[in-house]
Amino acid sequence: MGKEFLNCQDLMAILGFKESKCRMIIRALNEELEKDGYFTARGRVPAVYFRERFGLPEEKE
């Protein structure tokens, strides 16, 4: 079972982007979630939502 929440280091490994870009992505995704009424955790984004928004396949268990 994979992680439920991804942090900046995880995004850097998945996307190959620099830290500042990954932090910006996390902030943007969390803002989207907050607008929809969800609670968010600073510096972390739900893995399912991240994969959905980036069009990445779901992780296999």
PDB file of N, CA and C in Angstrom:
ATOM      1  N   MET A   1       0.850  -1.185   0.000  1.00  0.00           N
ATOM      2  CA  MET A   1       0.000   0.000   0.000  1.00  0.00           C
ATOM      3  C   MET A   1       0.886   1.235   0.000  1.00  0.00           C
ATOM      4  N   GLY A   2       0.618   2.169  -0.884  1.00  0.00           N
ATOM      5  CA  GLY A   2       1.403   3.390  -0.990  1.00  0.00           C
ATOM      6  C   GLY A   2       1.019   4.409   0.058  1.00  0.00           C
ATOM      7  N   LYS A   3       1.694   5.520   0.007  1.00  0.00           N
ATOM      8  CA  LYS A   3       1.403   6.612   0.933  1.00  0.00           C
ATOM      9  C   LYS A   3       0.053   7.244   0.614  1.00  0.00           C
ATOM     10  N   GLU A   4      -0.645   7.697   1.640  1.00  0.00           N
ATOM     11  CA  GLU A   4      -1.910   8.395   1.421  1.00  0.00           C
ATOM     12  C   GLU A   4      -1.670   9.872   1.124  1.00  0.00           C
ATOM     13  N   PHE A   5      -0.604  10.427   1.690  1.00  0.00           N
ATOM     14  CA  PHE A   5      -0.256  11.823   1.456  1.00  0.00           C
ATOM     15  C   PHE A   5       1.165  11.901   0.916  1.00  0.00           C
ATOM     16  N   LEU A   6       1.380  12.804  -0.018  1.00  0.00           N
ATOM     17  CA  LEU A   6       2.702  13.003  -0.593  1.00  0.00           C
ATOM     18  C   LEU A   6       3.262  14.340  -0.132  1.00  0.00           C
ATOM     19  N   ASN A   7       4.571  14.389   0.102  1.00  0.00           N
ATOM     20  CA  ASN A   7       5.217  15.638   0.473  1.00  0.00           C
ATOM     21  C   ASN A   7       6.092  16.119  -0.681  1.00  0.00           C
ATOM     22  N   CYS A   8       6.831  17.170  -0.456  1.00  0.00           N
ATOM     23  CA  CYS A   8       7.656  17.771  -1.493  1.00  0.00           C
ATOM     24  C   CYS A   8       8.690  16.787  -2.044  1.00  0.00           C
ATOM     25  N   GLN A   9       9.316  16.031  -1.172  1.00  0.00           N
ATOM     26  CA  GLN A   9      10.327  15.065  -1.609  1.00  0.00           C
ATOM     27  C   GLN A   9       9.716  14.002  -2.527  1.00  0.00           C
ATOM     28  N   ASP A  10       8.495  13.579  -2.200  1.00  0.00           N
ATOM     29  CA  ASP A  10       7.807  12.596  -3.042  1.00  0.00           C
ATOM     30  C   ASP A  10       7.535  13.161  -4.433  1.00  0.00           C
ATOM     31  N   LEU A  11       7.038  14.394  -4.490  1.00  0.00           N
ATOM     32  CA  LEU A  11       6.761  15.022  -5.780  1.00  0.00           C
ATOM     33  C   LEU A  11       8.029  15.211  -6.586  1.00  0.00           C
ATOM     34  N   MET A  12       9.123  15.566  -5.930  1.00  0.00           N
ATOM     35  CA  MET A  12      10.396  15.724  -6.624  1.00  0.00           C
ATOM     36  C   MET A  12      10.813  14.406  -7.281  1.00  0.00           C
ATOM     37  N   ALA A  13      10.609  13.300  -6.570  1.00  0.00           N
ATOM     38  CA  ALA A  13      10.980  11.985  -7.108  1.00  0.00           C
ATOM     39  C   ALA A  13      10.065  11.577  -8.259  1.00  0.00           C
ATOM     40  N   ILE A  14       8.782  11.875  -8.150  1.00  0.00           N
ATOM     41  CA  ILE A  14       7.816  11.480  -9.172  1.00  0.00           C
ATOM     42  C   ILE A  14       7.938  12.348 -10.416  1.00  0.00           C
ATOM     43  N   LEU A  15       8.014  13.671 -10.226  1.00  0.00           N
ATOM     44  CA  LEU A  15       7.972  14.609 -11.345  1.00  0.00           C
ATOM     45  C   LEU A  15       9.338  15.017 -11.869  1.00  0.00           C
ATOM     46  N   GLY A  16      10.342  14.934 -11.013  1.00  0.00           N
ATOM     47  CA  GLY A  16      11.670  15.377 -11.417  1.00  0.00           C
ATOM     48  C   GLY A  16      11.811  16.892 -11.415  1.00  0.00           C
ATOM     49  N   PHE A  17      10.929  17.578 -10.694  1.00  0.00           N
ATOM     50  CA  PHE A  17      10.981  19.036 -10.601  1.00  0.00           C
ATOM     51  C   PHE A  17      11.817  19.442  -9.402  1.00  0.00           C
ATOM     52  N   LYS A  18      12.196  20.720  -9.383  1.00  0.00           N
ATOM     53  CA  LYS A  18      12.941  21.259  -8.246  1.00  0.00           C
ATOM     54  C   LYS A  18      11.995  21.468  -7.063  1.00  0.00           C
ATOM     55  N   GLU A  19      12.596  21.638  -5.890  1.00  0.00           N
ATOM     56  CA  GLU A  19      11.833  21.767  -4.652  1.00  0.00           C
ATOM     57  C   GLU A  19      10.844  22.927  -4.700  1.00  0.00           C
ATOM     58  N   SER A  20      11.252  24.080  -5.189  1.00  0.00           N
ATOM     59  CA  SER A  20      10.363  25.248  -5.193  1.00  0.00           C
ATOM     60  C   SER A  20       9.127  25.006  -6.055  1.00  0.00           C
ATOM     61  N   LYS A  21       9.292  24.351  -7.180  1.00  0.00           N
ATOM     62  CA  LYS A  21       8.160  24.041  -8.062  1.00  0.00           C
ATOM     63  C   LYS A  21       7.220  23.049  -7.392  1.00  0.00           C
ATOM     64  N   CYS A  22       7.762  22.052  -6.722  1.00  0.00           N
ATOM     65  CA  CYS A  22       6.930  21.063  -6.035  1.00  0.00           C
ATOM     66  C   CYS A  22       6.148  21.693  -4.891  1.00  0.00           C
ATOM     67  N   ARG A  23       6.774  22.613  -4.171  1.00  0.00           N
ATOM     68  CA  ARG A  23       6.059  23.303  -3.091  1.00  0.00           C
ATOM     69  C   ARG A  23       4.923  24.150  -3.655  1.00  0.00           C
ATOM     70  N   MET A  24       5.149  24.784  -4.803  1.00  0.00           N
ATOM     71  CA  MET A  24       4.111  25.583  -5.443  1.00  0.00           C
ATOM     72  C   MET A  24       2.943  24.690  -5.869  1.00  0.00           C
ATOM     73  N   ILE A  25       3.247  23.509  -6.387  1.00  0.00           N
ATOM     74  CA  ILE A  25       2.202  22.569  -6.810  1.00  0.00           C
ATOM     75  C   ILE A  25       1.377  22.125  -5.609  1.00  0.00           C
ATOM     76  N   ILE A  26       2.033  21.787  -4.510  1.00  0.00           N
ATOM     77  CA  ILE A  26       1.316  21.368  -3.298  1.00  0.00           C
ATOM     78  C   ILE A  26       0.395  22.478  -2.815  1.00  0.00           C
ATOM     79  N   ARG A  27       0.897  23.712  -2.783  1.00  0.00           N
ATOM     80  CA  ARG A  27       0.057  24.839  -2.352  1.00  0.00           C
ATOM     81  C   ARG A  27      -1.159  25.003  -3.261  1.00  0.00           C
ATOM     82  N   ALA A  28      -0.943  24.918  -4.568  1.00  0.00           N
ATOM     83  CA  ALA A  28      -2.038  25.095  -5.525  1.00  0.00           C
ATOM     84  C   ALA A  28      -3.088  23.993  -5.378  1.00  0.00           C
ATOM     85  N   LEU A  29      -2.641  22.757  -5.251  1.00  0.00           N
ATOM     86  CA  LEU A  29      -3.586  21.650  -5.093  1.00  0.00           C
ATOM     87  C   LEU A  29      -4.361  21.770  -3.785  1.00  0.00           C
ATOM     88  N   ASN A  30      -3.678  22.165  -2.714  1.00  0.00           N
ATOM     89  CA  ASN A  30      -4.357  22.342  -1.433  1.00  0.00           C
ATOM     90  C   ASN A  30      -5.357  23.493  -1.489  1.00  0.00           C
ATOM     91  N   GLU A  31      -5.056  24.556  -2.222  1.00  0.00           N
ATOM     92  CA  GLU A  31      -6.013  25.650  -2.386  1.00  0.00           C
ATOM     93  C   GLU A  31      -7.272  25.165  -3.100  1.00  0.00           C
ATOM     94  N   GLU A  32      -7.094  24.331  -4.123  1.00  0.00           N
ATOM     95  CA  GLU A  32      -8.249  23.753  -4.828  1.00  0.00           C
ATOM     96  C   GLU A  32      -9.106  22.937  -3.867  1.00  0.00           C
ATOM     97  N   LEU A  33      -8.452  22.108  -3.063  1.00  0.00           N
ATOM     98  CA  LEU A  33      -9.185  21.273  -2.112  1.00  0.00           C
ATOM     99  C   LEU A  33      -9.915  22.122  -1.074  1.00  0.00           C
ATOM    100  N   GLU A  34      -9.276  23.168  -0.577  1.00  0.00           N
ATOM    101  CA  GLU A  34      -9.897  24.042   0.411  1.00  0.00           C
ATOM    102  C   GLU A  34     -11.126  24.740  -0.161  1.00  0.00           C
ATOM    103  N   LYS A  35     -11.053  25.161  -1.420  1.00  0.00           N
ATOM    104  CA  LYS A  35     -12.205  25.804  -2.067  1.00  0.00           C
ATOM    105  C   LYS A  35     -13.386  24.853  -2.163  1.00  0.00           C
ATOM    106  N   ASP A  36     -13.094  23.547  -2.254  1.00  0.00           N
ATOM    107  CA  ASP A  36     -14.148  22.534  -2.313  1.00  0.00           C
ATOM    108  C   ASP A  36     -14.603  22.093  -0.920  1.00  0.00           C
ATOM    109  N   GLY A  37     -14.053  22.711   0.128  1.00  0.00           N
ATOM    110  CA  GLY A  37     -14.483  22.438   1.486  1.00  0.00           C
ATOM    111  C   GLY A  37     -13.713  21.356   2.219  1.00  0.00           C
ATOM    112  N   TYR A  38     -12.600  20.900   1.664  1.00  0.00           N
ATOM    113  CA  TYR A  38     -11.802  19.870   2.320  1.00  0.00           C
ATOM    114  C   TYR A  38     -10.764  20.500   3.244  1.00  0.00           C
ATOM    115  N   PHE A  39     -10.408  19.758   4.280  1.00  0.00           N
ATOM    116  CA  PHE A  39      -9.300  20.149   5.140  1.00  0.00           C
ATOM    117  C   PHE A  39      -8.012  19.727   4.458  1.00  0.00           C
ATOM    118  N   THR A  40      -6.949  20.480   4.661  1.00  0.00           N
ATOM    119  CA  THR A  40      -5.667  20.143   4.066  1.00  0.00           C
ATOM    120  C   THR A  40      -4.580  20.160   5.129  1.00  0.00           C
ATOM    121  N   ALA A  41      -3.464  19.543   4.818  1.00  0.00           N
ATOM    122  CA  ALA A  41      -2.301  19.539   5.700  1.00  0.00           C
ATOM    123  C   ALA A  41      -1.188  20.292   4.984  1.00  0.00           C
ATOM    124  N   ARG A  42      -0.649  21.282   5.638  1.00  0.00           N
ATOM    125  CA  ARG A  42       0.407  22.093   5.036  1.00  0.00           C
ATOM    126  C   ARG A  42       1.592  21.213   4.622  1.00  0.00           C
ATOM    127  N   GLY A  43       2.022  21.386   3.386  1.00  0.00           N
ATOM    128  CA  GLY A  43       3.185  20.662   2.899  1.00  0.00           C
ATOM    129  C   GLY A  43       2.911  19.240   2.440  1.00  0.00           C
ATOM    130  N   ARG A  44       1.637  18.862   2.429  1.00  0.00           N
ATOM    131  CA  ARG A  44       1.269  17.514   1.996  1.00  0.00           C
ATOM    132  C   ARG A  44       0.007  17.590   1.143  1.00  0.00           C
ATOM    133  N   VAL A  45      -0.088  16.671   0.194  1.00  0.00           N
ATOM    134  CA  VAL A  45      -1.256  16.615  -0.668  1.00  0.00           C
ATOM    135  C   VAL A  45      -1.707  15.155  -0.761  1.00  0.00           C
ATOM    136  N   PRO A  46      -3.020  14.912  -0.780  1.00  0.00           N
ATOM    137  CA  PRO A  46      -3.481  13.531  -0.916  1.00  0.00           C
ATOM    138  C   PRO A  46      -2.960  12.900  -2.211  1.00  0.00           C
ATOM    139  N   ALA A  47      -2.406  11.714  -2.099  1.00  0.00           N
ATOM    140  CA  ALA A  47      -1.816  11.037  -3.255  1.00  0.00           C
ATOM    141  C   ALA A  47      -2.843  10.809  -4.358  1.00  0.00           C
ATOM    142  N   VAL A  48      -4.054  10.426  -3.986  1.00  0.00           N
ATOM    143  CA  VAL A  48      -5.098  10.153  -4.978  1.00  0.00           C
ATOM    144  C   VAL A  48      -5.420  11.421  -5.768  1.00  0.00           C
ATOM    145  N   TYR A  49      -5.558  12.544  -5.079  1.00  0.00           N
ATOM    146  CA  TYR A  49      -5.882  13.804  -5.748  1.00  0.00           C
ATOM    147  C   TYR A  49      -4.731  14.246  -6.643  1.00  0.00           C
ATOM    148  N   PHE A  50      -3.511  14.136  -6.169  1.00  0.00           N
ATOM    149  CA  PHE A  50      -2.337  14.497  -6.971  1.00  0.00           C
ATOM    150  C   PHE A  50      -2.305  13.682  -8.262  1.00  0.00           C
ATOM    151  N   ARG A  51      -2.454  12.369  -8.150  1.00  0.00           N
ATOM    152  CA  ARG A  51      -2.399  11.499  -9.334  1.00  0.00           C
ATOM    153  C   ARG A  51      -3.545  11.808 -10.298  1.00  0.00           C
ATOM    154  N   GLU A  52      -4.708  12.099  -9.762  1.00  0.00           N
ATOM    155  CA  GLU A  52      -5.860  12.446 -10.609  1.00  0.00           C
ATOM    156  C   GLU A  52      -5.592  13.724 -11.398  1.00  0.00           C
ATOM    157  N   ARG A  53      -5.108  14.747 -10.725  1.00  0.00           N
ATOM    158  CA  ARG A  53      -4.884  16.053 -11.370  1.00  0.00           C
ATOM    159  C   ARG A  53      -3.748  16.018 -12.387  1.00  0.00           C
ATOM    160  N   PHE A  54      -2.778  15.132 -12.185  1.00  0.00           N
ATOM    161  CA  PHE A  54      -1.656  15.027 -13.112  1.00  0.00           C
ATOM    162  C   PHE A  54      -1.856  13.921 -14.140  1.00  0.00           C
ATOM    163  N   GLY A  55      -2.996  13.240 -14.087  1.00  0.00           N
ATOM    164  CA  GLY A  55      -3.279  12.198 -15.053  1.00  0.00           C
ATOM    165  C   GLY A  55      -2.374  10.988 -14.932  1.00  0.00           C
ATOM    166  N   LEU A  56      -1.932  10.710 -13.721  1.00  0.00           N
ATOM    167  CA  LEU A  56      -1.050   9.574 -13.483  1.00  0.00           C
ATOM    168  C   LEU A  56      -1.873   8.357 -13.066  1.00  0.00           C
ATOM    169  N   PRO A  57      -1.432   7.164 -13.405  1.00  0.00           N
ATOM    170  CA  PRO A  57      -2.185   5.965 -13.026  1.00  0.00           C
ATOM    171  C   PRO A  57      -2.163   5.753 -11.510  1.00  0.00           C
ATOM    172  N   GLU A  58      -3.185   5.063 -11.038  1.00  0.00           N
ATOM    173  CA  GLU A  58      -3.238   4.745  -9.617  1.00  0.00           C
ATOM    174  C   GLU A  58      -2.131   3.762  -9.278  1.00  0.00           C
ATOM    175  N   GLU A  59      -1.639   3.849  -8.041  1.00  0.00           N
ATOM    176  CA  GLU A  59      -0.600   2.923  -7.618  1.00  0.00           C
ATOM    177  C   GLU A  59      -1.222   1.553  -7.385  1.00  0.00           C
ATOM    178  N   LYS A  60      -0.516   0.510  -7.782  1.00  0.00           N
ATOM    179  CA  LYS A  60      -0.950  -0.858  -7.539  1.00  0.00           C
ATOM    180  C   LYS A  60      -0.528  -1.261  -6.146  1.00  0.00           C
ATOM    181  N   GLU A  61      -1.378  -2.021  -5.459  1.00  0.00           N
ATOM    182  CA  GLU A  61      -1.029  -2.465  -4.110  1.00  0.00           C
ATOM    183  C   GLU A  61      -0.122  -3.653  -4.149  1.00  0.00           C
TER     184      GLU A  61
END
